[in-house]
Structures are given as structure tokens and as C-alpha cells.
Amino acid sequence: MINTEIDFELINKQKVKLTLNFKLLLKLKANYPEEYNNFNKYILNDGGKNLDFFEILTVIYVAYLCANLESKNKYTKEEFIKLVPFNINLIKETQNTLLGLKKN
């Protein structure tokens, strides 16, 4: 997993940061154990290569949480998913960038 921070534009035109790294995932595990456990399960299954659509959205949401752990005004998972553009190529490309995967 590479340490990457990217901007991600939501349908409300707000740009949010997304990032994944081990230090932040450790903090996420302490503060959001359910999201961490889901992320961990998906990634350890097959390295994140064959996730279904909502599993990919969970990876992106976890990256959002990691980038915004210190923020008091974070979106819930449901709020975040409602604001993600329905663009499957963008979502897969974002996941691949975050996880350091090559394009399919």
C-alpha cells in the first residue's frame, strides 16, 4: 500500500481529501473499528482486486475517514455514499490509486 493523498470531488462540488497509510489506519482501528474491520476484510481477501461495488465504496470511505480523522464535521458513510458521483470508472480508478493497484 502506498501513501497517497488525492482530492476527490463529490456531486455537491466539494473536494475532499482521501488517503491511506498505516499510521492513519491504526488510528482508524481505534476510533472506527467497524469500518476498519470491513476494510481489512476486503483488502486481505484478495488485495482489493475483486471487490464488489459497495466494497469499493467502503475502501474510498475509509480513505476519506483517514484523511479527515481530526475533523469534527465528517460525513457518515450513508451521507458520503449519497455524494459520490455515479461514475464506475472514476470509483475504480480512485480505489486503484489508493491501493497502489495497476489498472485492470
PDB file of N, CA and C in Angstrom:
ATOM      1  N   MET A   1       0.848  -1.170   0.000  1.00  0.00           N
ATOM      2  CA  MET A   1       0.000   0.000   0.000  1.00  0.00           C
ATOM      3  C   MET A   1       0.894   1.233   0.000  1.00  0.00           C
ATOM      4  N   ILE A   2       0.644   2.147  -0.909  1.00  0.00           N
ATOM      5  CA  ILE A   2       1.451   3.354  -0.960  1.00  0.00           C
ATOM      6  C   ILE A   2       0.747   4.471  -0.209  1.00  0.00           C
ATOM      7  N   ASN A   3       1.516   5.444   0.211  1.00  0.00           N
ATOM      8  CA  ASN A   3       0.969   6.585   0.917  1.00  0.00           C
ATOM      9  C   ASN A   3       0.596   7.630  -0.122  1.00  0.00           C
ATOM     10  N   THR A   4      -0.677   7.775  -0.390  1.00  0.00           N
ATOM     11  CA  THR A   4      -1.172   8.666  -1.418  1.00  0.00           C
ATOM     12  C   THR A   4      -2.256   9.553  -0.832  1.00  0.00           C
ATOM     13  N   GLU A   5      -2.224  10.832  -1.162  1.00  0.00           N
ATOM     14  CA  GLU A   5      -3.327  11.719  -0.809  1.00  0.00           C
ATOM     15  C   GLU A   5      -3.869  12.293  -2.097  1.00  0.00           C
ATOM     16  N   ILE A   6      -5.155  12.139  -2.284  1.00  0.00           N
ATOM     17  CA  ILE A   6      -5.772  12.639  -3.508  1.00  0.00           C
ATOM     18  C   ILE A   6      -6.991  13.483  -3.168  1.00  0.00           C
ATOM     19  N   ASP A   7      -7.340  14.373  -4.086  1.00  0.00           N
ATOM     20  CA  ASP A   7      -8.583  15.134  -3.988  1.00  0.00           C
ATOM     21  C   ASP A   7      -9.664  14.355  -4.724  1.00  0.00           C
ATOM     22  N   PHE A   8     -10.845  14.341  -4.136  1.00  0.00           N
ATOM     23  CA  PHE A   8     -11.974  13.611  -4.713  1.00  0.00           C
ATOM     24  C   PHE A   8     -13.165  14.551  -4.697  1.00  0.00           C
ATOM     25  N   GLU A   9     -13.758  14.795  -5.858  1.00  0.00           N
ATOM     26  CA  GLU A   9     -14.881  15.726  -5.940  1.00  0.00           C
ATOM     27  C   GLU A   9     -16.215  14.996  -5.808  1.00  0.00           C
ATOM     28  N   LEU A  10     -17.021  15.465  -4.867  1.00  0.00           N
ATOM     29  CA  LEU A  10     -18.348  14.908  -4.624  1.00  0.00           C
ATOM     30  C   LEU A  10     -19.366  15.596  -5.533  1.00  0.00           C
ATOM     31  N   ILE A  11     -20.578  15.077  -5.595  1.00  0.00           N
ATOM     32  CA  ILE A  11     -21.576  15.652  -6.502  1.00  0.00           C
ATOM     33  C   ILE A  11     -22.026  17.043  -6.065  1.00  0.00           C
ATOM     34  N   ASN A  12     -21.773  17.415  -4.816  1.00  0.00           N
ATOM     35  CA  ASN A  12     -22.092  18.767  -4.362  1.00  0.00           C
ATOM     36  C   ASN A  12     -20.954  19.747  -4.669  1.00  0.00           C
ATOM     37  N   LYS A  13     -19.971  19.291  -5.452  1.00  0.00           N
ATOM     38  CA  LYS A  13     -18.800  20.063  -5.906  1.00  0.00           C
ATOM     39  C   LYS A  13     -17.753  20.266  -4.811  1.00  0.00           C
ATOM     40  N   GLN A  14     -17.975  19.714  -3.625  1.00  0.00           N
ATOM     41  CA  GLN A  14     -16.971  19.794  -2.569  1.00  0.00           C
ATOM     42  C   GLN A  14     -15.837  18.816  -2.882  1.00  0.00           C
ATOM     43  N   LYS A  15     -14.610  19.284  -2.719  1.00  0.00           N
ATOM     44  CA  LYS A  15     -13.450  18.409  -2.873  1.00  0.00           C
ATOM     45  C   LYS A  15     -13.018  17.962  -1.487  1.00  0.00           C
ATOM     46  N   VAL A  16     -12.900  16.635  -1.324  1.00  0.00           N
ATOM     47  CA  VAL A  16     -12.454  16.078  -0.052  1.00  0.00           C
ATOM     48  C   VAL A  16     -11.141  15.340  -0.284  1.00  0.00           C
ATOM     49  N   LYS A  17     -10.353  15.238   0.761  1.00  0.00           N
ATOM     50  CA  LYS A  17      -9.093  14.504   0.709  1.00  0.00           C
ATOM     51  C   LYS A  17      -9.361  13.033   0.990  1.00  0.00           C
ATOM     52  N   LEU A  18      -8.605  12.180   0.315  1.00  0.00           N
ATOM     53  CA  LEU A  18      -8.614  10.738   0.563  1.00  0.00           C
ATOM     54  C   LEU A  18      -7.170  10.306   0.749  1.00  0.00           C
ATOM     55  N   THR A  19      -6.910   9.454   1.718  1.00  0.00           N
ATOM     56  CA  THR A  19      -5.572   8.924   1.896  1.00  0.00           C
ATOM     57  C   THR A  19      -5.612   7.621   2.672  1.00  0.00           C
ATOM     58  N   LEU A  20      -4.603   6.811   2.457  1.00  0.00           N
ATOM     59  CA  LEU A  20      -4.426   5.579   3.230  1.00  0.00           C
ATOM     60  C   LEU A  20      -2.955   5.467   3.598  1.00  0.00           C
ATOM     61  N   ASN A  21      -2.685   5.235   4.866  1.00  0.00           N
ATOM     62  CA  ASN A  21      -1.348   4.858   5.298  1.00  0.00           C
ATOM     63  C   ASN A  21      -1.489   4.104   6.619  1.00  0.00           C
ATOM     64  N   PHE A  22      -0.446   3.433   7.014  1.00  0.00           N
ATOM     65  CA  PHE A  22      -0.535   2.548   8.174  1.00  0.00           C
ATOM     66  C   PHE A  22      -0.810   3.304   9.473  1.00  0.00           C
ATOM     67  N   LYS A  23      -0.197   4.453   9.645  1.00  0.00           N
ATOM     68  CA  LYS A  23      -0.404   5.232  10.868  1.00  0.00           C
ATOM     69  C   LYS A  23      -1.878   5.629  11.005  1.00  0.00           C
ATOM     70  N   LEU A  24      -2.456   6.126   9.918  1.00  0.00           N
ATOM     71  CA  LEU A  24      -3.854   6.545   9.953  1.00  0.00           C
ATOM     72  C   LEU A  24      -4.801   5.352  10.088  1.00  0.00           C
ATOM     73  N   LEU A  25      -4.458   4.242   9.459  1.00  0.00           N
ATOM     74  CA  LEU A  25      -5.295   3.048   9.612  1.00  0.00           C
ATOM     75  C   LEU A  25      -5.284   2.546  11.056  1.00  0.00           C
ATOM     76  N   LEU A  26      -4.168   2.692  11.728  1.00  0.00           N
ATOM     77  CA  LEU A  26      -4.095   2.306  13.137  1.00  0.00           C
ATOM     78  C   LEU A  26      -5.010   3.197  13.981  1.00  0.00           C
ATOM     79  N   LYS A  27      -5.013   4.492  13.707  1.00  0.00           N
ATOM     80  CA  LYS A  27      -5.927   5.410  14.401  1.00  0.00           C
ATOM     81  C   LYS A  27      -7.374   5.075  14.065  1.00  0.00           C
ATOM     82  N   LEU A  28      -7.617   4.760  12.793  1.00  0.00           N
ATOM     83  CA  LEU A  28      -8.969   4.391  12.366  1.00  0.00           C
ATOM     84  C   LEU A  28      -9.443   3.152  13.115  1.00  0.00           C
ATOM     85  N   LYS A  29      -8.564   2.188  13.300  1.00  0.00           N
ATOM     86  CA  LYS A  29      -8.910   0.956  14.013  1.00  0.00           C
ATOM     87  C   LYS A  29      -9.389   1.265  15.427  1.00  0.00           C
ATOM     88  N   ALA A  30      -8.753   2.238  16.086  1.00  0.00           N
ATOM     89  CA  ALA A  30      -9.133   2.602  17.448  1.00  0.00           C
ATOM     90  C   ALA A  30     -10.443   3.390  17.493  1.00  0.00           C
ATOM     91  N   ASN A  31     -10.665   4.242  16.482  1.00  0.00           N
ATOM     92  CA  ASN A  31     -11.817   5.147  16.511  1.00  0.00           C
ATOM     93  C   ASN A  31     -13.032   4.673  15.726  1.00  0.00           C
ATOM     94  N   TYR A  32     -12.814   3.863  14.701  1.00  0.00           N
ATOM     95  CA  TYR A  32     -13.893   3.368  13.836  1.00  0.00           C
ATOM     96  C   TYR A  32     -13.672   1.876  13.576  1.00  0.00           C
ATOM     97  N   PRO A  33     -13.768   1.052  14.617  1.00  0.00           N
ATOM     98  CA  PRO A  33     -13.411  -0.364  14.459  1.00  0.00           C
ATOM     99  C   PRO A  33     -14.249  -1.105  13.412  1.00  0.00           C
ATOM    100  N   GLU A  34     -15.520  -0.771  13.279  1.00  0.00           N
ATOM    101  CA  GLU A  34     -16.355  -1.469  12.299  1.00  0.00           C
ATOM    102  C   GLU A  34     -15.884  -1.175  10.875  1.00  0.00           C
ATOM    103  N   GLU A  35     -15.615   0.101  10.580  1.00  0.00           N
ATOM    104  CA  GLU A  35     -15.131   0.461   9.242  1.00  0.00           C
ATOM    105  C   GLU A  35     -13.761  -0.156   8.986  1.00  0.00           C
ATOM    106  N   TYR A  36     -12.894  -0.137   9.999  1.00  0.00           N
ATOM    107  CA  TYR A  36     -11.571  -0.738   9.855  1.00  0.00           C
ATOM    108  C   TYR A  36     -11.687  -2.237   9.567  1.00  0.00           C
ATOM    109  N   ASN A  37     -12.527  -2.934  10.320  1.00  0.00           N
ATOM    110  CA  ASN A  37     -12.676  -4.382  10.141  1.00  0.00           C
ATOM    111  C   ASN A  37     -13.217  -4.723   8.752  1.00  0.00           C
ATOM    112  N   ASN A  38     -14.176  -3.947   8.268  1.00  0.00           N
ATOM    113  CA  ASN A  38     -14.690  -4.183   6.916  1.00  0.00           C
ATOM    114  C   ASN A  38     -13.603  -3.947   5.879  1.00  0.00           C
ATOM    115  N   PHE A  39     -12.884  -2.838   5.995  1.00  0.00           N
ATOM    116  CA  PHE A  39     -11.786  -2.528   5.088  1.00  0.00           C
ATOM    117  C   PHE A  39     -10.744  -3.649   5.105  1.00  0.00           C
ATOM    118  N   ASN A  40     -10.354  -4.049   6.284  1.00  0.00           N
ATOM    119  CA  ASN A  40      -9.336  -5.081   6.452  1.00  0.00           C
ATOM    120  C   ASN A  40      -9.777  -6.400   5.813  1.00  0.00           C
ATOM    121  N   LYS A  41     -11.030  -6.758   6.032  1.00  0.00           N
ATOM    122  CA  LYS A  41     -11.567  -7.993   5.457  1.00  0.00           C
ATOM    123  C   LYS A  41     -11.520  -7.949   3.930  1.00  0.00           C
ATOM    124  N   TYR A  42     -11.929  -6.834   3.347  1.00  0.00           N
ATOM    125  CA  TYR A  42     -11.946  -6.705   1.892  1.00  0.00           C
ATOM    126  C   TYR A  42     -10.539  -6.755   1.313  1.00  0.00           C
ATOM    127  N   ILE A  43      -9.618  -6.046   1.937  1.00  0.00           N
ATOM    128  CA  ILE A  43      -8.263  -5.944   1.408  1.00  0.00           C
ATOM    129  C   ILE A  43      -7.507  -7.256   1.571  1.00  0.00           C
ATOM    130  N   LEU A  44      -7.672  -7.911   2.702  1.00  0.00           N
ATOM    131  CA  LEU A  44      -6.953  -9.153   2.928  1.00  0.00           C
ATOM    132  C   LEU A  44      -7.505 -10.314   2.118  1.00  0.00           C
ATOM    133  N   ASN A  45      -8.753 -10.196   1.692  1.00  0.00           N
ATOM    134  CA  ASN A  45      -9.376 -11.246   0.892  1.00  0.00           C
ATOM    135  C   ASN A  45      -8.586 -11.538  -0.375  1.00  0.00           C
ATOM    136  N   ASP A  46      -8.350 -10.514  -1.182  1.00  0.00           N
ATOM    137  CA  ASP A  46      -7.626 -10.709  -2.443  1.00  0.00           C
ATOM    138  C   ASP A  46      -6.848  -9.465  -2.839  1.00  0.00           C
ATOM    139  N   GLY A  47      -6.449  -8.695  -1.860  1.00  0.00           N
ATOM    140  CA  GLY A  47      -5.677  -7.488  -2.151  1.00  0.00           C
ATOM    141  C   GLY A  47      -6.497  -6.356  -2.734  1.00  0.00           C
ATOM    142  N   GLY A  48      -7.818  -6.455  -2.628  1.00  0.00           N
ATOM    143  CA  GLY A  48      -8.676  -5.395  -3.147  1.00  0.00           C
ATOM    144  C   GLY A  48      -8.923  -5.467  -4.635  1.00  0.00           C
ATOM    145  N   LYS A  49      -8.565  -6.573  -5.274  1.00  0.00           N
ATOM    146  CA  LYS A  49      -8.654  -6.660  -6.733  1.00  0.00           C
ATOM    147  C   LYS A  49     -10.038  -7.041  -7.246  1.00  0.00           C
ATOM    148  N   ASN A  50     -10.810  -7.761  -6.455  1.00  0.00           N
ATOM    149  CA  ASN A  50     -12.105  -8.251  -6.939  1.00  0.00           C
ATOM    150  C   ASN A  50     -13.240  -7.875  -5.997  1.00  0.00           C
ATOM    151  N   LEU A  51     -13.272  -6.621  -5.602  1.00  0.00           N
ATOM    152  CA  LEU A  51     -14.311  -6.156  -4.690  1.00  0.00           C
ATOM    153  C   LEU A  51     -15.588  -5.842  -5.452  1.00  0.00           C
ATOM    154  N   ASP A  52     -16.735  -6.012  -4.774  1.00  0.00           N
ATOM    155  CA  ASP A  52     -17.967  -5.559  -5.401  1.00  0.00           C
ATOM    156  C   ASP A  52     -18.074  -4.044  -5.228  1.00  0.00           C
ATOM    157  N   PHE A  53     -19.061  -3.468  -5.855  1.00  0.00           N
ATOM    158  CA  PHE A  53     -19.180  -2.021  -5.922  1.00  0.00           C
ATOM    159  C   PHE A  53     -19.202  -1.370  -4.539  1.00  0.00           C
ATOM    160  N   PHE A  54     -20.001  -1.910  -3.622  1.00  0.00           N
ATOM    161  CA  PHE A  54     -20.123  -1.291  -2.304  1.00  0.00           C
ATOM    162  C   PHE A  54     -18.902  -1.554  -1.430  1.00  0.00           C
ATOM    163  N   GLU A  55     -18.173  -2.610  -1.701  1.00  0.00           N
ATOM    164  CA  GLU A  55     -16.904  -2.824  -1.009  1.00  0.00           C
ATOM    165  C   GLU A  55     -15.875  -1.775  -1.460  1.00  0.00           C
ATOM    166  N   ILE A  56     -15.894  -1.451  -2.748  1.00  0.00           N
ATOM    167  CA  ILE A  56     -15.009  -0.395  -3.257  1.00  0.00           C
ATOM    168  C   ILE A  56     -15.369   0.937  -2.603  1.00  0.00           C
ATOM    169  N   LEU A  57     -16.669   1.219  -2.487  1.00  0.00           N
ATOM    170  CA  LEU A  57     -17.089   2.455  -1.825  1.00  0.00           C
ATOM    171  C   LEU A  57     -16.648   2.480  -0.369  1.00  0.00           C
ATOM    172  N   THR A  58     -16.627   1.324   0.288  1.00  0.00           N
ATOM    173  CA  THR A  58     -16.136   1.260   1.665  1.00  0.00           C
ATOM    174  C   THR A  58     -14.652   1.611   1.717  1.00  0.00           C
ATOM    175  N   VAL A  59     -13.878   1.107   0.784  1.00  0.00           N
ATOM    176  CA  VAL A  59     -12.445   1.453   0.729  1.00  0.00           C
ATOM    177  C   VAL A  59     -12.278   2.962   0.570  1.00  0.00           C
ATOM    178  N   ILE A  60     -13.062   3.559  -0.312  1.00  0.00           N
ATOM    179  CA  ILE A  60     -12.963   5.003  -0.532  1.00  0.00           C
ATOM    180  C   ILE A  60     -13.420   5.759   0.712  1.00  0.00           C
ATOM    181  N   TYR A  61     -14.471   5.288   1.365  1.00  0.00           N
ATOM    182  CA  TYR A  61     -14.930   5.952   2.592  1.00  0.00           C
ATOM    183  C   TYR A  61     -13.876   5.857   3.695  1.00  0.00           C
ATOM    184  N   VAL A  62     -13.226   4.712   3.823  1.00  0.00           N
ATOM    185  CA  VAL A  62     -12.157   4.565   4.812  1.00  0.00           C
ATOM    186  C   VAL A  62     -11.021   5.541   4.505  1.00  0.00           C
ATOM    187  N   ALA A  63     -10.698   5.722   3.239  1.00  0.00           N
ATOM    188  CA  ALA A  63      -9.664   6.695   2.857  1.00  0.00           C
ATOM    189  C   ALA A  63     -10.100   8.115   3.214  1.00  0.00           C
ATOM    190  N   TYR A  64     -11.387   8.392   3.074  1.00  0.00           N
ATOM    191  CA  TYR A  64     -11.942   9.693   3.488  1.00  0.00           C
ATOM    192  C   TYR A  64     -11.800   9.863   4.997  1.00  0.00           C
ATOM    193  N   LEU A  65     -12.174   8.836   5.756  1.00  0.00           N
ATOM    194  CA  LEU A  65     -12.041   8.921   7.209  1.00  0.00           C
ATOM    195  C   LEU A  65     -10.588   9.124   7.618  1.00  0.00           C
ATOM    196  N   CYS A  66      -9.677   8.372   7.007  1.00  0.00           N
ATOM    197  CA  CYS A  66      -8.252   8.503   7.340  1.00  0.00           C
ATOM    198  C   CYS A  66      -7.753   9.925   7.098  1.00  0.00           C
ATOM    199  N   ALA A  67      -8.162  10.516   6.000  1.00  0.00           N
ATOM    200  CA  ALA A  67      -7.710  11.869   5.662  1.00  0.00           C
ATOM    201  C   ALA A  67      -8.351  12.931   6.534  1.00  0.00           C
ATOM    202  N   ASN A  68      -9.443  12.573   7.200  1.00  0.00           N
ATOM    203  CA  ASN A  68     -10.213  13.561   7.960  1.00  0.00           C
ATOM    204  C   ASN A  68     -10.441  13.159   9.413  1.00  0.00           C
ATOM    205  N   LEU A  69      -9.563  12.336   9.953  1.00  0.00           N
ATOM    206  CA  LEU A  69      -9.739  11.853  11.330  1.00  0.00           C
ATOM    207  C   LEU A  69      -9.846  12.976  12.346  1.00  0.00           C
ATOM    208  N   GLU A  70      -9.134  14.059  12.135  1.00  0.00           N
ATOM    209  CA  GLU A  70      -9.128  15.163  13.101  1.00  0.00           C
ATOM    210  C   GLU A  70     -10.316  16.109  12.931  1.00  0.00           C
ATOM    211  N   SER A  71     -11.022  15.998  11.827  1.00  0.00           N
ATOM    212  CA  SER A  71     -12.161  16.879  11.560  1.00  0.00           C
ATOM    213  C   SER A  71     -13.364  16.485  12.414  1.00  0.00           C
ATOM    214  N   LYS A  72     -14.039  17.485  12.936  1.00  0.00           N
ATOM    215  CA  LYS A  72     -15.240  17.221  13.727  1.00  0.00           C
ATOM    216  C   LYS A  72     -16.474  17.050  12.839  1.00  0.00           C
ATOM    217  N   ASN A  73     -16.420  17.552  11.627  1.00  0.00           N
ATOM    218  CA  ASN A  73     -17.570  17.522  10.724  1.00  0.00           C
ATOM    219  C   ASN A  73     -17.338  16.557   9.573  1.00  0.00           C
ATOM    220  N   LYS A  74     -17.363  15.277   9.891  1.00  0.00           N
ATOM    221  CA  LYS A  74     -17.184  14.246   8.854  1.00  0.00           C
ATOM    222  C   LYS A  74     -18.551  13.740   8.402  1.00  0.00           C
ATOM    223  N   TYR A  75     -18.592  13.323   7.151  1.00  0.00           N
ATOM    224  CA  TYR A  75     -19.803  12.680   6.649  1.00  0.00           C
ATOM    225  C   TYR A  75     -19.920  11.284   7.244  1.00  0.00           C
ATOM    226  N   THR A  76     -21.150  10.859   7.504  1.00  0.00           N
ATOM    227  CA  THR A  76     -21.381   9.453   7.825  1.00  0.00           C
ATOM    228  C   THR A  76     -21.187   8.667   6.537  1.00  0.00           C
ATOM    229  N   LYS A  77     -21.105   7.365   6.655  1.00  0.00           N
ATOM    230  CA  LYS A  77     -20.933   6.542   5.452  1.00  0.00           C
ATOM    231  C   LYS A  77     -22.106   6.737   4.494  1.00  0.00           C
ATOM    232  N   GLU A  78     -23.317   6.772   5.037  1.00  0.00           N
ATOM    233  CA  GLU A  78     -24.503   6.941   4.188  1.00  0.00           C
ATOM    234  C   GLU A  78     -24.487   8.293   3.490  1.00  0.00           C
ATOM    235  N   GLU A  79     -24.137   9.361   4.221  1.00  0.00           N
ATOM    236  CA  GLU A  79     -24.052  10.691   3.617  1.00  0.00           C
ATOM    237  C   GLU A  79     -22.989  10.717   2.525  1.00  0.00           C
ATOM    238  N   PHE A  80     -21.848  10.124   2.814  1.00  0.00           N
ATOM    239  CA  PHE A  80     -20.741  10.113   1.861  1.00  0.00           C
ATOM    240  C   PHE A  80     -21.132   9.380   0.585  1.00  0.00           C
ATOM    241  N   ILE A  81     -21.724   8.201   0.728  1.00  0.00           N
ATOM    242  CA  ILE A  81     -22.108   7.408  -0.443  1.00  0.00           C
ATOM    243  C   ILE A  81     -23.116   8.159  -1.307  1.00  0.00           C
ATOM    244  N   LYS A  82     -24.034   8.892  -0.695  1.00  0.00           N
ATOM    245  CA  LYS A  82     -25.006   9.680  -1.461  1.00  0.00           C
ATOM    246  C   LYS A  82     -24.326  10.764  -2.293  1.00  0.00           C
ATOM    247  N   LEU A  83     -23.155  11.214  -1.849  1.00  0.00           N
ATOM    248  CA  LEU A  83     -22.455  12.312  -2.522  1.00  0.00           C
ATOM    249  C   LEU A  83     -21.394  11.852  -3.517  1.00  0.00           C
ATOM    250  N   VAL A  84     -21.130  10.553  -3.573  1.00  0.00           N
ATOM    251  CA  VAL A  84     -20.143  10.020  -4.513  1.00  0.00           C
ATOM    252  C   VAL A  84     -20.760  10.004  -5.914  1.00  0.00           C
ATOM    253  N   PRO A  85     -20.068  10.543  -6.905  1.00  0.00           N
ATOM    254  CA  PRO A  85     -20.596  10.518  -8.275  1.00  0.00           C
ATOM    255  C   PRO A  85     -20.799   9.081  -8.759  1.00  0.00           C
ATOM    256  N   PHE A  86     -21.885   8.846  -9.461  1.00  0.00           N
ATOM    257  CA  PHE A  86     -22.127   7.508 -10.008  1.00  0.00           C
ATOM    258  C   PHE A  86     -21.344   7.379 -11.309  1.00  0.00           C
ATOM    259  N   ASN A  87     -20.050   7.180 -11.133  1.00  0.00           N
ATOM    260  CA  ASN A  87     -19.120   7.048 -12.251  1.00  0.00           C
ATOM    261  C   ASN A  87     -18.212   5.862 -11.904  1.00  0.00           C
ATOM    262  N   ILE A  88     -18.550   4.716 -12.424  1.00  0.00           N
ATOM    263  CA  ILE A  88     -17.862   3.481 -12.048  1.00  0.00           C
ATOM    264  C   ILE A  88     -16.382   3.540 -12.390  1.00  0.00           C
ATOM    265  N   ASN A  89     -16.033   4.109 -13.535  1.00  0.00           N
ATOM    266  CA  ASN A  89     -14.607   4.219 -13.899  1.00  0.00           C
ATOM    267  C   ASN A  89     -13.850   5.077 -12.898  1.00  0.00           C
ATOM    268  N   LEU A  90     -14.431   6.196 -12.493  1.00  0.00           N
ATOM    269  CA  LEU A  90     -13.803   7.074 -11.513  1.00  0.00           C
ATOM    270  C   LEU A  90     -13.623   6.357 -10.170  1.00  0.00           C
ATOM    271  N   ILE A  91     -14.624   5.629  -9.757  1.00  0.00           N
ATOM    272  CA  ILE A  91     -14.574   4.930  -8.475  1.00  0.00           C
ATOM    273  C   ILE A  91     -13.504   3.838  -8.489  1.00  0.00           C
ATOM    274  N   LYS A  92     -13.457   3.058  -9.560  1.00  0.00           N
ATOM    275  CA  LYS A  92     -12.427   2.013  -9.661  1.00  0.00           C
ATOM    276  C   LYS A  92     -11.029   2.615  -9.753  1.00  0.00           C
ATOM    277  N   GLU A  93     -10.894   3.694 -10.527  1.00  0.00           N
ATOM    278  CA  GLU A  93      -9.600   4.359 -10.660  1.00  0.00           C
ATOM    279  C   GLU A  93      -9.147   4.924  -9.305  1.00  0.00           C
ATOM    280  N   THR A  94     -10.073   5.484  -8.547  1.00  0.00           N
ATOM    281  CA  THR A  94      -9.746   6.028  -7.224  1.00  0.00           C
ATOM    282  C   THR A  94      -9.285   4.916  -6.298  1.00  0.00           C
ATOM    283  N   GLN A  95     -10.010   3.804  -6.293  1.00  0.00           N
ATOM    284  CA  GLN A  95      -9.613   2.664  -5.463  1.00  0.00           C
ATOM    285  C   GLN A  95      -8.232   2.158  -5.856  1.00  0.00           C
ATOM    286  N   ASN A  96      -8.000   2.016  -7.151  1.00  0.00           N
ATOM    287  CA  ASN A  96      -6.704   1.523  -7.631  1.00  0.00           C
ATOM    288  C   ASN A  96      -5.569   2.453  -7.219  1.00  0.00           C
ATOM    289  N   THR A  97      -5.796   3.764  -7.308  1.00  0.00           N
ATOM    290  CA  THR A  97      -4.783   4.732  -6.898  1.00  0.00           C
ATOM    291  C   THR A  97      -4.505   4.617  -5.398  1.00  0.00           C
ATOM    292  N   LEU A  98      -5.549   4.547  -4.613  1.00  0.00           N
ATOM    293  CA  LEU A  98      -5.383   4.458  -3.151  1.00  0.00           C
ATOM    294  C   LEU A  98      -4.650   3.199  -2.725  1.00  0.00           C
ATOM    295  N   LEU A  99      -4.927   2.095  -3.399  1.00  0.00           N
ATOM    296  CA  LEU A  99      -4.333   0.815  -3.013  1.00  0.00           C
ATOM    297  C   LEU A  99      -3.052   0.487  -3.773  1.00  0.00           C
ATOM    298  N   GLY A 100      -2.689   1.355  -4.711  1.00  0.00           N
ATOM    299  CA  GLY A 100      -1.479   1.106  -5.483  1.00  0.00           C
ATOM    300  C   GLY A 100      -1.617  -0.052  -6.451  1.00  0.00           C
ATOM    301  N   LEU A 101      -2.844  -0.259  -6.952  1.00  0.00           N
ATOM    302  CA  LEU A 101      -3.102  -1.344  -7.899  1.00  0.00           C
ATOM    303  C   LEU A 101      -2.945  -0.831  -9.319  1.00  0.00           C
ATOM    304  N   LYS A 102      -2.555  -1.712 -10.206  1.00  0.00           N
ATOM    305  CA  LYS A 102      -2.474  -1.368 -11.624  1.00  0.00           C
ATOM    306  C   LYS A 102      -3.870  -1.367 -12.200  1.00  0.00           C
ATOM    307  N   LYS A 103      -4.043  -0.629 -13.298  1.00  0.00           N
ATOM    308  CA  LYS A 103      -5.340  -0.598 -13.977  1.00  0.00           C
ATOM    309  C   LYS A 103      -5.666  -1.992 -14.477  1.00  0.00           C
ATOM    310  N   ASN A 104      -6.976  -2.314 -14.470  1.00  0.00           N
ATOM    311  CA  ASN A 104      -7.430  -3.612 -14.979  1.00  0.00           C
ATOM    312  C   ASN A 104      -7.500  -3.587 -16.483  1.00  0.00           C
TER     313      ASN A 104
END
